[in-house]
Amino acid sequence: MKFSKLRVILMLVMALTLCAFSFAQAGTTLEKVKAAGEITVGNSPDYPPFEAIGDGGERVGFDVDLLDAIAAKMGIKVKWVTMDFAAIVTATQSGQVDMGMSGFSISPERAEQVSFSAPYFASGQVIVVRSDSEIKSAADLKGRKIAVQLGTTGEQEADKIEGAEVVKPDSYNIAFMMLNTKAADAVIADISVADEFVKRGMFKRAGEPLSFEEFAMITRKGNGDLLTALNKALAEVKADGTYAAIVKKWNL
């Protein structure tokens, strides 16, 4: 009996030692990324012009082009991982992905969960309605139904509007489909996303922007070396004119 207990204890000690050794060997996220030659990125491709699925099934958008340029500066490639927007923060925290890039606005709530890179784009939230709508501002949304993508800062702005019913589908494609079919009276979305849908001719913006926001990449807390590398590469992409070319390409 004593021998069995001793053997169990020794096995546990060995297991813990091996775990500690493996953890030490794994290195930081940046070191693992460099060793693998690629970085895994959580993304929800339903947020044009930042991320969407093109006609040929490929991932396209401002975020896609920008991160490809940043990764090239770092000497690595990007492995995009498709997931619901609301799941990206959790996936980043757990290490399922190395980082997230999907039109994330910097906010105090998110800053408690993940670390942000330097901002790479400035925008805000606006109201979008059908072209024939009489809604002109947030004040007109009392008693109306607003559609927003779950987990976005658009959701936060919609929740501030008194007397409105807020529905929260998993994507803005569904939100705008609801608006088009009159299942919702308005959508609150990022300016660039709103303008992308407005260009299709069925919708218009109503009133002034509800907020000012900055977009950033996100990663798990404690990944300071990865953030430093991302920020350095972002600065280089801006300095050499690549950033301006991508902005022009996507009409931002």
Protein backbone atom coordinates (compact mmCIF):
# COMPACT_ATOMS: atom_id res chain seq x y z
CA MET A 1 0.00 0.00 0.00
CA LYS A 2 2.78 2.42 0.97
CA PHE A 3 4.68 1.51 -2.20
CA SER A 4 1.58 2.19 -4.31
CA LYS A 5 1.04 5.58 -2.70
CA LEU A 6 4.70 6.47 -3.18
CA ARG A 7 4.51 5.44 -6.85
CA VAL A 8 1.41 7.60 -7.37
CA ILE A 9 3.16 10.59 -5.76
CA LEU A 10 6.25 10.10 -7.90
CA MET A 11 4.10 9.85 -11.04
CA LEU A 12 2.31 13.08 -10.14
CA VAL A 13 5.60 14.87 -9.52
CA MET A 14 6.96 13.65 -12.85
CA ALA A 15 3.79 14.73 -14.65
CA LEU A 16 3.91 18.19 -13.12
CA THR A 17 7.60 18.49 -13.98
CA LEU A 18 6.94 17.49 -17.57
CA CYS A 19 4.07 20.00 -17.82
CA ALA A 20 6.26 22.77 -16.46
CA PHE A 21 9.05 21.78 -18.85
CA SER A 22 6.65 21.71 -21.81
CA PHE A 23 5.26 25.10 -20.88
CA ALA A 24 8.74 26.57 -20.62
CA GLN A 25 9.70 25.03 -23.93
CA ALA A 26 6.57 26.37 -25.65
CA GLY A 27 7.79 29.95 -25.26
CA THR A 28 5.74 33.08 -25.78
CA THR A 29 2.97 33.44 -28.33
CA LEU A 30 5.26 35.48 -30.58
CA GLU A 31 7.96 32.81 -30.41
CA LYS A 32 5.43 30.10 -31.31
CA VAL A 33 4.10 32.22 -34.16
CA LYS A 34 7.60 32.81 -35.50
CA ALA A 35 8.44 29.10 -35.24
CA ALA A 36 5.25 28.08 -37.04
CA GLY A 37 5.60 30.81 -39.64
CA GLU A 38 1.95 31.77 -39.29
CA ILE A 39 -0.46 33.48 -36.92
CA THR A 40 -4.01 32.21 -36.29
CA VAL A 41 -6.60 34.97 -36.34
CA GLY A 42 -10.24 34.86 -35.25
CA ASN A 43 -12.48 36.64 -37.77
CA SER A 44 -16.17 36.98 -38.59
CA PRO A 45 -16.36 37.66 -42.37
CA ASP A 46 -19.73 39.39 -42.41
CA TYR A 47 -18.66 42.99 -41.89
CA PRO A 48 -17.97 44.58 -45.29
CA PRO A 49 -15.84 46.43 -46.25
CA PHE A 50 -13.61 45.19 -43.41
CA GLU A 51 -14.18 41.46 -43.88
CA ALA A 52 -16.46 39.48 -46.14
CA ILE A 53 -16.51 36.40 -48.36
CA GLY A 54 -15.91 37.29 -52.02
CA ASP A 55 -17.67 35.88 -55.05
CA GLY A 56 -15.01 33.20 -55.39
CA GLY A 57 -15.34 32.11 -51.75
CA GLU A 58 -12.18 33.93 -50.66
CA ARG A 59 -11.92 36.20 -47.62
CA VAL A 60 -11.65 39.85 -48.66
CA GLY A 61 -11.70 43.27 -47.02
CA PHE A 62 -9.71 46.08 -45.44
CA ASP A 63 -8.79 44.08 -42.33
CA VAL A 64 -7.71 41.15 -44.51
CA ASP A 65 -5.40 43.22 -46.69
CA LEU A 66 -4.02 45.17 -43.75
CA LEU A 67 -3.16 42.12 -41.65
CA ASP A 68 -1.61 40.39 -44.66
CA ALA A 69 0.66 43.45 -45.05
CA ILE A 70 1.47 43.49 -41.32
CA ALA A 71 2.25 39.76 -41.34
CA ALA A 72 4.54 40.20 -44.35
CA LYS A 73 6.55 42.76 -42.36
CA MET A 74 6.83 40.18 -39.55
CA GLY A 75 7.93 37.44 -41.94
CA ILE A 76 4.88 35.22 -41.30
CA LYS A 77 1.58 34.28 -42.94
CA VAL A 78 -2.01 34.66 -41.71
CA LYS A 79 -4.26 31.70 -40.97
CA TRP A 80 -7.81 33.02 -40.72
CA VAL A 81 -10.23 31.16 -38.44
CA THR A 82 -13.91 31.83 -39.12
CA MET A 83 -16.17 32.17 -36.08
CA ASP A 84 -19.10 34.20 -34.79
CA PHE A 85 -18.03 37.71 -33.82
CA ALA A 86 -19.22 37.25 -30.24
CA ALA A 87 -16.95 34.19 -29.84
CA ILE A 88 -13.67 35.81 -30.93
CA VAL A 89 -12.80 37.41 -27.58
CA THR A 90 -13.26 34.09 -25.75
CA ALA A 91 -11.26 32.23 -28.41
CA THR A 92 -8.46 34.78 -28.02
CA GLN A 93 -8.49 34.54 -24.23
CA SER A 94 -8.34 30.74 -24.29
CA GLY A 95 -5.54 30.57 -26.85
CA GLN A 96 -7.72 28.92 -29.49
CA VAL A 97 -6.42 31.67 -31.77
CA ASP A 98 -3.33 33.86 -31.40
CA MET A 99 -5.26 37.09 -31.98
CA GLY A 100 -8.50 38.55 -33.29
CA MET A 101 -9.07 41.09 -36.04
CA SER A 102 -12.65 41.73 -37.08
CA GLY A 103 -13.50 45.42 -36.79
CA PHE A 104 -13.02 45.46 -33.00
CA SER A 105 -13.66 48.86 -31.44
CA ILE A 106 -11.58 49.73 -28.39
CA SER A 107 -13.81 49.82 -25.33
CA PRO A 108 -13.30 49.70 -21.54
CA GLU A 109 -15.36 46.51 -21.31
CA ARG A 110 -13.22 44.66 -23.85
CA ALA A 111 -10.02 46.08 -22.35
CA GLU A 112 -10.81 44.09 -19.19
CA GLN A 113 -10.78 40.88 -21.23
CA VAL A 114 -8.09 41.31 -23.89
CA SER A 115 -5.20 43.57 -24.85
CA PHE A 116 -5.50 45.99 -27.77
CA SER A 117 -2.93 46.92 -30.39
CA ALA A 118 -2.41 50.51 -31.47
CA PRO A 119 -5.52 51.79 -33.30
CA TYR A 120 -5.56 51.20 -37.04
CA PHE A 121 -8.83 52.92 -38.03
CA ALA A 122 -11.25 55.52 -36.63
CA SER A 123 -15.00 55.33 -37.09
CA GLY A 124 -18.32 55.47 -35.20
CA GLN A 125 -21.83 54.02 -34.98
CA VAL A 126 -24.71 55.32 -37.10
CA ILE A 127 -28.39 54.59 -37.66
CA VAL A 128 -29.45 53.03 -40.97
CA VAL A 129 -33.07 52.85 -42.10
CA ARG A 130 -34.97 51.93 -45.26
CA SER A 131 -34.90 54.52 -48.04
CA ASP A 132 -38.60 55.34 -47.53
CA SER A 133 -38.38 55.56 -43.72
CA GLU A 134 -39.45 58.68 -41.81
CA ILE A 135 -36.95 57.98 -39.02
CA LYS A 136 -34.49 60.89 -38.83
CA SER A 137 -32.66 60.42 -35.52
CA ALA A 138 -32.31 58.28 -32.40
CA ALA A 139 -35.26 60.16 -30.87
CA ASP A 140 -37.51 58.61 -33.54
CA LEU A 141 -36.59 55.07 -32.53
CA LYS A 142 -38.73 54.98 -29.40
CA GLY A 143 -41.15 52.08 -29.74
CA ARG A 144 -39.28 50.81 -32.83
CA LYS A 145 -37.27 47.64 -33.43
CA ILE A 146 -33.49 47.96 -33.91
CA ALA A 147 -31.33 45.13 -35.29
CA VAL A 148 -27.64 44.94 -34.35
CA GLN A 149 -24.98 42.26 -34.50
CA LEU A 150 -24.52 40.47 -31.19
CA GLY A 151 -21.42 41.50 -29.25
CA THR A 152 -20.73 44.73 -31.16
CA THR A 153 -20.49 48.31 -29.94
CA GLY A 154 -23.55 48.88 -32.13
CA GLU A 155 -25.38 46.69 -29.64
CA GLN A 156 -24.16 48.91 -26.80
CA GLU A 157 -25.43 52.05 -28.56
CA ALA A 158 -28.79 50.44 -29.35
CA ASP A 159 -29.25 49.42 -25.70
CA LYS A 160 -28.95 53.10 -24.71
CA ILE A 161 -32.03 54.10 -26.75
CA GLU A 162 -35.01 54.26 -24.41
CA GLY A 163 -38.21 52.59 -25.45
CA ALA A 164 -36.70 50.67 -28.37
CA GLU A 165 -36.76 46.91 -28.85
CA VAL A 166 -33.30 45.59 -29.71
CA VAL A 167 -32.84 42.30 -31.57
CA LYS A 168 -29.35 40.83 -31.81
CA PRO A 169 -28.68 38.40 -34.67
CA ASP A 170 -25.26 36.81 -35.12
CA SER A 171 -24.32 38.86 -38.19
CA TYR A 172 -24.96 42.21 -39.86
CA ASN A 173 -26.02 40.39 -43.01
CA ILE A 174 -29.01 39.09 -41.06
CA ALA A 175 -29.59 42.48 -39.41
CA PHE A 176 -29.81 44.26 -42.76
CA MET A 177 -31.96 41.48 -44.20
CA MET A 178 -34.36 42.08 -41.30
CA LEU A 179 -34.36 45.80 -42.10
CA ASN A 180 -35.01 45.16 -45.79
CA THR A 181 -37.93 42.80 -45.06
CA LYS A 182 -39.39 45.19 -42.45
CA ALA A 183 -38.70 42.77 -39.62
CA ALA A 184 -36.73 45.68 -38.09
CA ASP A 185 -37.11 49.46 -38.36
CA ALA A 186 -33.42 50.35 -38.14
CA VAL A 187 -29.91 48.97 -37.88
CA ILE A 188 -27.09 50.53 -35.87
CA ALA A 189 -23.69 49.79 -37.42
CA ASP A 190 -20.20 51.13 -37.96
CA ILE A 191 -20.04 54.04 -40.43
CA SER A 192 -18.08 52.14 -43.09
CA VAL A 193 -20.30 49.06 -42.80
CA ALA A 194 -23.42 51.22 -42.92
CA ASP A 195 -22.19 53.04 -46.01
CA GLU A 196 -21.41 49.72 -47.71
CA PHE A 197 -25.04 48.65 -47.33
CA VAL A 198 -26.37 52.12 -48.18
CA LYS A 199 -24.54 51.93 -51.53
CA ARG A 200 -26.81 49.05 -52.48
CA GLY A 201 -29.67 51.55 -52.82
CA MET A 202 -32.22 50.17 -50.35
CA PHE A 203 -31.13 52.07 -47.25
CA LYS A 204 -30.04 55.49 -45.97
CA ARG A 205 -28.33 56.89 -42.91
CA ALA A 206 -30.41 58.76 -40.33
CA GLY A 207 -29.02 61.54 -38.14
CA GLU A 208 -25.52 62.12 -36.83
CA PRO A 209 -23.07 59.41 -35.64
CA LEU A 210 -23.89 58.08 -32.18
CA SER A 211 -20.26 57.53 -31.18
CA PHE A 212 -16.59 57.90 -32.08
CA GLU A 213 -14.54 54.70 -32.03
CA GLU A 214 -11.11 53.35 -32.91
CA PHE A 215 -10.48 49.86 -34.29
CA ALA A 216 -7.64 47.67 -33.04
CA MET A 217 -6.33 44.11 -33.15
CA ILE A 218 -6.82 42.05 -29.98
CA THR A 219 -4.77 39.38 -28.25
CA ARG A 220 -4.68 37.55 -24.94
CA LYS A 221 -3.50 39.56 -21.95
CA GLY A 222 0.19 38.98 -21.26
CA ASN A 223 1.14 38.89 -24.95
CA GLY A 224 3.18 42.07 -24.74
CA ASP A 225 5.86 40.86 -27.13
CA LEU A 226 3.27 39.99 -29.79
CA LEU A 227 1.59 43.38 -29.43
CA THR A 228 4.95 45.12 -29.75
CA ALA A 229 5.67 43.21 -32.97
CA LEU A 230 2.20 43.94 -34.39
CA ASN A 231 2.45 47.64 -33.55
CA LYS A 232 5.92 47.89 -35.08
CA ALA A 233 4.76 46.23 -38.30
CA LEU A 234 1.63 48.43 -38.41
CA ALA A 235 3.80 51.54 -38.11
CA GLU A 236 6.00 50.28 -40.95
CA VAL A 237 2.96 49.59 -43.16
CA LYS A 238 1.76 53.15 -42.54
CA ALA A 239 5.20 54.66 -43.14
CA ASP A 240 5.84 53.00 -46.51
CA GLY A 241 2.48 53.98 -48.05
CA THR A 242 0.91 50.50 -47.99
CA TYR A 243 -1.73 51.55 -45.46
CA ALA A 244 -2.84 54.52 -47.55
CA ALA A 245 -3.11 52.30 -50.62
CA ILE A 246 -5.34 49.80 -48.76
CA VAL A 247 -7.55 52.63 -47.46
CA LYS A 248 -7.94 53.90 -51.02
CA LYS A 249 -8.67 50.42 -52.36
CA TRP A 250 -11.59 49.98 -49.97
CA ASN A 251 -12.87 53.58 -50.28
CA LEU A 252 -12.65 54.24 -46.57
